[in-house]
C-alpha atoms as a PDB file:
ATOM      1  CA  UNK A   1      32.715  33.604  -4.273  1.00  0.00           C
ATOM      2  CA  UNK A   2      33.322  33.069  -0.611  1.00  0.00           C
ATOM      3  CA  UNK A   3      31.138  34.924   1.859  1.00  0.00           C
ATOM      4  CA  UNK A   4      32.515  36.940   4.698  1.00  0.00           C
ATOM      5  CA  UNK A   5      32.302  34.741   8.417  1.00  0.00           C
ATOM      6  CA  UNK A   6      30.534  37.709  10.187  1.00  0.00           C
ATOM      7  CA  UNK A   7      27.739  37.206   7.329  1.00  0.00           C
ATOM      8  CA  UNK A   8      27.581  33.712   7.727  1.00  0.00           C
ATOM      9  CA  UNK A   9      27.106  34.196  11.057  1.00  0.00           C
ATOM     10  CA  UNK A  10      23.904  36.747  10.987  1.00  0.00           C
ATOM     11  CA  UNK A  11      22.512  34.597   8.409  1.00  0.00           C
ATOM     12  CA  UNK A  12      22.727  31.401  10.188  1.00  0.00           C
ATOM     13  CA  UNK A  13      21.490  33.122  13.518  1.00  0.00           C
ATOM     14  CA  UNK A  14      18.424  34.628  11.380  1.00  0.00           C
ATOM     15  CA  UNK A  15      17.748  31.020  10.141  1.00  0.00           C
ATOM     16  CA  UNK A  16      17.880  29.541  13.442  1.00  0.00           C
ATOM     17  CA  UNK A  17      15.688  32.558  15.046  1.00  0.00           C
ATOM     18  CA  UNK A  18      12.788  31.500  12.252  1.00  0.00           C
ATOM     19  CA  UNK A  19      13.411  27.968  12.492  1.00  0.00           C
ATOM     20  CA  UNK A  20      12.587  28.299  16.524  1.00  0.00           C
ATOM     21  CA  UNK A  21       9.454  30.591  15.548  1.00  0.00           C
ATOM     22  CA  UNK A  22       8.319  27.953  13.359  1.00  0.00           C
ATOM     23  CA  UNK A  23       8.835  24.745  15.391  1.00  0.00           C
ATOM     24  CA  UNK A  24       7.401  26.464  18.741  1.00  0.00           C
ATOM     25  CA  UNK A  25       4.254  27.196  17.179  1.00  0.00           C
ATOM     26  CA  UNK A  26       1.551  25.069  18.475  1.00  0.00           C
ATOM     27  CA  UNK A  27       0.094  23.755  15.269  1.00  0.00           C
ATOM     28  CA  UNK A  28       3.500  22.222  14.161  1.00  0.00           C
ATOM     29  CA  UNK A  29       3.891  20.482  17.592  1.00  0.00           C
ATOM     30  CA  UNK A  30       0.104  19.245  17.472  1.00  0.00           C
ATOM     31  CA  UNK A  31       0.892  17.922  13.587  1.00  0.00           C
ATOM     32  CA  UNK A  32       3.782  16.023  15.085  1.00  0.00           C
ATOM     33  CA  UNK A  33       2.166  14.509  17.725  1.00  0.00           C
ATOM     34  CA  UNK A  34      -0.652  13.462  15.349  1.00  0.00           C
ATOM     35  CA  UNK A  35       1.962  11.909  13.144  1.00  0.00           C
ATOM     36  CA  UNK A  36       3.893   9.957  16.049  1.00  0.00           C
ATOM     37  CA  UNK A  37       0.227   8.783  17.508  1.00  0.00           C
ATOM     38  CA  UNK A  38      -0.752   7.672  13.824  1.00  0.00           C
ATOM     39  CA  UNK A  39       2.384   5.441  13.267  1.00  0.00           C
ATOM     40  CA  UNK A  40       2.152   3.692  16.556  1.00  0.00           C
ATOM     41  CA  UNK A  41      -1.628   3.422  15.782  1.00  0.00           C
ATOM     42  CA  UNK A  42      -0.801   1.734  12.556  1.00  0.00           C
ATOM     43  CA  UNK A  43       1.402  -0.689  14.348  1.00  0.00           C
ATOM     44  CA  UNK A  44      -1.200  -1.551  16.759  1.00  0.00           C
ATOM     45  CA  UNK A  45      -3.868  -2.037  13.503  1.00  0.00           C
ATOM     46  CA  UNK A  46      -1.061  -3.972  11.799  1.00  0.00           C
ATOM     47  CA  UNK A  47      -0.661  -6.259  14.454  1.00  0.00           C
ATOM     48  CA  UNK A  48      -4.410  -6.984  14.870  1.00  0.00           C
ATOM     49  CA  UNK A  49      -4.765  -7.600  11.418  1.00  0.00           C
ATOM     50  CA  UNK A  50      -1.948 -10.137  11.248  1.00  0.00           C
ATOM     51  CA  UNK A  51      -2.354 -11.933  14.257  1.00  0.00           C
ATOM     52  CA  UNK A  52      -5.673 -11.852  15.433  1.00  0.00           C
ATOM     53  CA  UNK A  53      -8.286 -11.293  12.242  1.00  0.00           C
ATOM     54  CA  UNK A  54      -6.169 -12.848   9.543  1.00  0.00           C
ATOM     55  CA  UNK A  55      -5.323 -16.540  11.426  1.00  0.00           C
ATOM     56  CA  UNK A  56      -9.209 -17.061  11.925  1.00  0.00           C
ATOM     57  CA  UNK A  57     -10.209 -15.972   8.466  1.00  0.00           C
ATOM     58  CA  UNK A  58      -7.163 -18.312   7.174  1.00  0.00           C
ATOM     59  CA  UNK A  59      -8.647 -20.989   9.172  1.00  0.00           C
ATOM     60  CA  UNK A  60     -11.884 -20.930   8.074  1.00  0.00           C
ATOM     61  CA  UNK A  61     -10.216 -21.062   4.295  1.00  0.00           C
ATOM     62  CA  UNK A  62      -8.434 -24.254   5.198  1.00  0.00           C
ATOM     63  CA  UNK A  63      -5.749 -22.919   6.531  1.00  0.00           C
ATOM     64  CA  UNK A  64      -4.623 -20.473   4.345  1.00  0.00           C
ATOM     65  CA  UNK A  65      -1.894 -17.632   4.947  1.00  0.00           C
ATOM     66  CA  UNK A  66      -2.688 -14.502   3.147  1.00  0.00           C
ATOM     67  CA  UNK A  67       0.657 -13.547   3.559  1.00  0.00           C
ATOM     68  CA  UNK A  68       1.476 -16.845   1.624  1.00  0.00           C
ATOM     69  CA  UNK A  69      -0.175 -15.690  -1.330  1.00  0.00           C
ATOM     70  CA  UNK A  70       1.914 -14.268  -4.329  1.00  0.00           C
ATOM     71  CA  UNK A  71       2.081 -14.882  -7.801  1.00  0.00           C
ATOM     72  CA  UNK A  72       5.501 -15.391  -9.328  1.00  0.00           C
ATOM     73  CA  UNK A  73       5.835 -13.474 -12.577  1.00  0.00           C
ATOM     74  CA  UNK A  74       8.841 -15.558 -14.005  1.00  0.00           C
ATOM     75  CA  UNK A  75       6.475 -18.343 -14.580  1.00  0.00           C
ATOM     76  CA  UNK A  76       8.340 -20.472 -12.649  1.00  0.00           C
ATOM     77  CA  UNK A  77       6.494 -22.516  -9.577  1.00  0.00           C
ATOM     78  CA  UNK A  78       7.855 -22.413  -6.162  1.00  0.00           C
ATOM     79  CA  UNK A  79       6.884 -24.216  -2.823  1.00  0.00           C
ATOM     80  CA  UNK A  80       6.775 -21.128  -0.599  1.00  0.00           C
ATOM     81  CA  UNK A  81       7.106 -17.296  -0.886  1.00  0.00           C
ATOM     82  CA  UNK A  82      10.489 -17.321   0.767  1.00  0.00           C
ATOM     83  CA  UNK A  83      11.800 -19.884  -2.065  1.00  0.00           C
ATOM     84  CA  UNK A  84      10.461 -17.463  -4.770  1.00  0.00           C
ATOM     85  CA  UNK A  85      12.333 -14.231  -2.844  1.00  0.00           C
ATOM     86  CA  UNK A  86      15.475 -16.481  -2.684  1.00  0.00           C
ATOM     87  CA  UNK A  87      15.459 -17.073  -6.446  1.00  0.00           C
ATOM     88  CA  UNK A  88      14.985 -13.244  -7.024  1.00  0.00           C
ATOM     89  CA  UNK A  89      11.918 -13.776  -9.091  1.00  0.00           C
ATOM     90  CA  UNK A  90       9.721 -10.792  -9.502  1.00  0.00           C
ATOM     91  CA  UNK A  91       6.435 -11.392  -7.344  1.00  0.00           C
ATOM     92  CA  UNK A  92       2.949 -10.060  -7.094  1.00  0.00           C
ATOM     93  CA  UNK A  93       2.335 -10.259  -3.289  1.00  0.00           C
ATOM     94  CA  UNK A  94      -1.468  -9.915  -3.225  1.00  0.00           C
ATOM     95  CA  UNK A  95      -1.684 -11.703  -0.059  1.00  0.00           C
ATOM     96  CA  UNK A  96       0.072  -8.813   1.706  1.00  0.00           C
ATOM     97  CA  UNK A  97      -1.868  -6.513  -0.466  1.00  0.00           C
ATOM     98  CA  UNK A  98      -5.286  -7.784   1.323  1.00  0.00           C
ATOM     99  CA  UNK A  99      -3.730  -7.742   4.593  1.00  0.00           C
ATOM    100  CA  UNK A 100      -3.043  -4.008   3.799  1.00  0.00           C
ATOM    101  CA  UNK A 101      -6.251  -3.367   2.497  1.00  0.00           C
ATOM    102  CA  UNK A 102      -8.057  -4.970   5.838  1.00  0.00           C
ATOM    103  CA  UNK A 103      -5.503  -2.414   8.047  1.00  0.00           C
ATOM    104  CA  UNK A 104      -6.984   0.415   5.886  1.00  0.00           C
ATOM    105  CA  UNK A 105     -10.275  -0.259   6.143  1.00  0.00           C
ATOM    106  CA  UNK A 106      -9.690  -0.927  10.107  1.00  0.00           C
ATOM    107  CA  UNK A 107      -7.951   2.557  10.240  1.00  0.00           C
ATOM    108  CA  UNK A 108     -10.352   4.320   8.278  1.00  0.00           C
ATOM    109  CA  UNK A 109     -13.152   2.890  10.319  1.00  0.00           C
ATOM    110  CA  UNK A 110     -11.759   4.239  13.523  1.00  0.00           C
ATOM    111  CA  UNK A 111     -10.959   7.624  12.262  1.00  0.00           C
ATOM    112  CA  UNK A 112     -14.568   8.026  10.871  1.00  0.00           C
ATOM    113  CA  UNK A 113     -15.865   7.088  14.209  1.00  0.00           C
ATOM    114  CA  UNK A 114     -13.116   9.651  16.039  1.00  0.00           C
ATOM    115  CA  UNK A 115     -14.368  12.206  13.960  1.00  0.00           C
ATOM    116  CA  UNK A 116     -17.843  11.678  14.372  1.00  0.00           C
ATOM    117  CA  UNK A 117     -17.509  11.519  18.179  1.00  0.00           C
ATOM    118  CA  UNK A 118     -15.747  14.788  18.150  1.00  0.00           C
ATOM    119  CA  UNK A 119     -18.436  16.419  15.706  1.00  0.00           C
ATOM    120  CA  UNK A 120     -21.196  15.348  18.206  1.00  0.00           C
ATOM    121  CA  UNK A 121     -19.095  16.737  21.033  1.00  0.00           C
ATOM    122  CA  UNK A 122     -18.441  20.156  19.153  1.00  0.00           C
ATOM    123  CA  UNK A 123     -22.453  20.131  18.274  1.00  0.00           C
ATOM    124  CA  UNK A 124     -23.222  19.685  21.846  1.00  0.00           C
ATOM    125  CA  UNK A 125     -21.150  22.767  22.878  1.00  0.00           C
ATOM    126  CA  UNK A 126     -22.036  24.944  20.556  1.00  0.00           C
ATOM    127  CA  UNK A 127     -25.556  24.921  21.134  1.00  0.00           C
ATOM    128  CA  UNK A 128     -26.232  25.821  24.776  1.00  0.00           C
ATOM    129  CA  UNK A 129     -29.697  25.852  25.935  1.00  0.00           C
ATOM    130  CA  UNK A 130     -31.303  29.491  25.432  1.00  0.00           C
ATOM    131  CA  UNK A 131     -31.118  31.628  29.034  1.00  0.00           C
ATOM    132  CA  UNK A 132     -34.457  31.919  30.682  1.00  0.00           C
ATOM    133  CA  UNK A 133     -36.329  35.299  29.782  1.00  0.00           C
ATOM    134  CA  UNK A 134     -35.559  38.216  32.601  1.00  0.00           C
ATOM    135  CA  UNK A 135     -37.819  39.524  34.483  1.00  0.00           C
ATOM    136  CA  UNK A 136     -38.060  42.695  32.200  1.00  0.00           C
ATOM    137  CA  UNK A 137     -38.507  40.502  29.091  1.00  0.00           C
ATOM    138  CA  UNK A 138     -41.505  38.475  31.153  1.00  0.00           C
ATOM    139  CA  UNK A 139     -43.143  41.779  32.236  1.00  0.00           C
ATOM    140  CA  UNK A 140     -43.118  43.285  28.940  1.00  0.00           C
ATOM    141  CA  UNK A 141     -44.549  40.001  27.314  1.00  0.00           C
ATOM    142  CA  UNK A 142     -47.433  40.075  29.447  1.00  0.00           C
ATOM    143  CA  UNK A 143     -48.184  43.635  28.639  1.00  0.00           C
ATOM    144  CA  UNK A 144     -48.271  43.008  25.148  1.00  0.00           C
ATOM    145  CA  UNK A 145     -50.262  40.075  25.633  1.00  0.00           C
ATOM    146  CA  UNK A 146     -52.738  42.109  27.543  1.00  0.00           C
ATOM    147  CA  UNK A 147     -52.509  44.852  24.936  1.00  0.00           C
ATOM    148  CA  UNK A 148     -53.510  41.891  22.440  1.00  0.00           C
ATOM    149  CA  UNK A 149     -56.782  41.580  24.047  1.00  0.00           C
END
């Protein structure tokens, strides 16, 4: 059964209005910005790990490049990871996994530091100094203290 064109147009415009309301909410836009910033930050951390952190670690470990650490599952021995990939061998690339774990630790530490800083700022903003007592409160306190004597 084919719907009437008028009904299709009404349903489509209703759908578009609902979608516009959904997308224009502030939290959806904030989430989209967060995802985009997170992806960009992930690329920065990947470059940091692969190009800055891992080369000195590899040098300390006698020239080991973590990207080249792998285990072919077919039992053959290959000179390089590229050779194993050309042969189509099933490979456990545990060196790439080590790099990814280091990236995760760095990102987690950065997110922890960011959340900690935000929580500190919130605590400082939420606890304003108490207002000094008004003149009438001071006078009432003095009267109370005099009556106690």
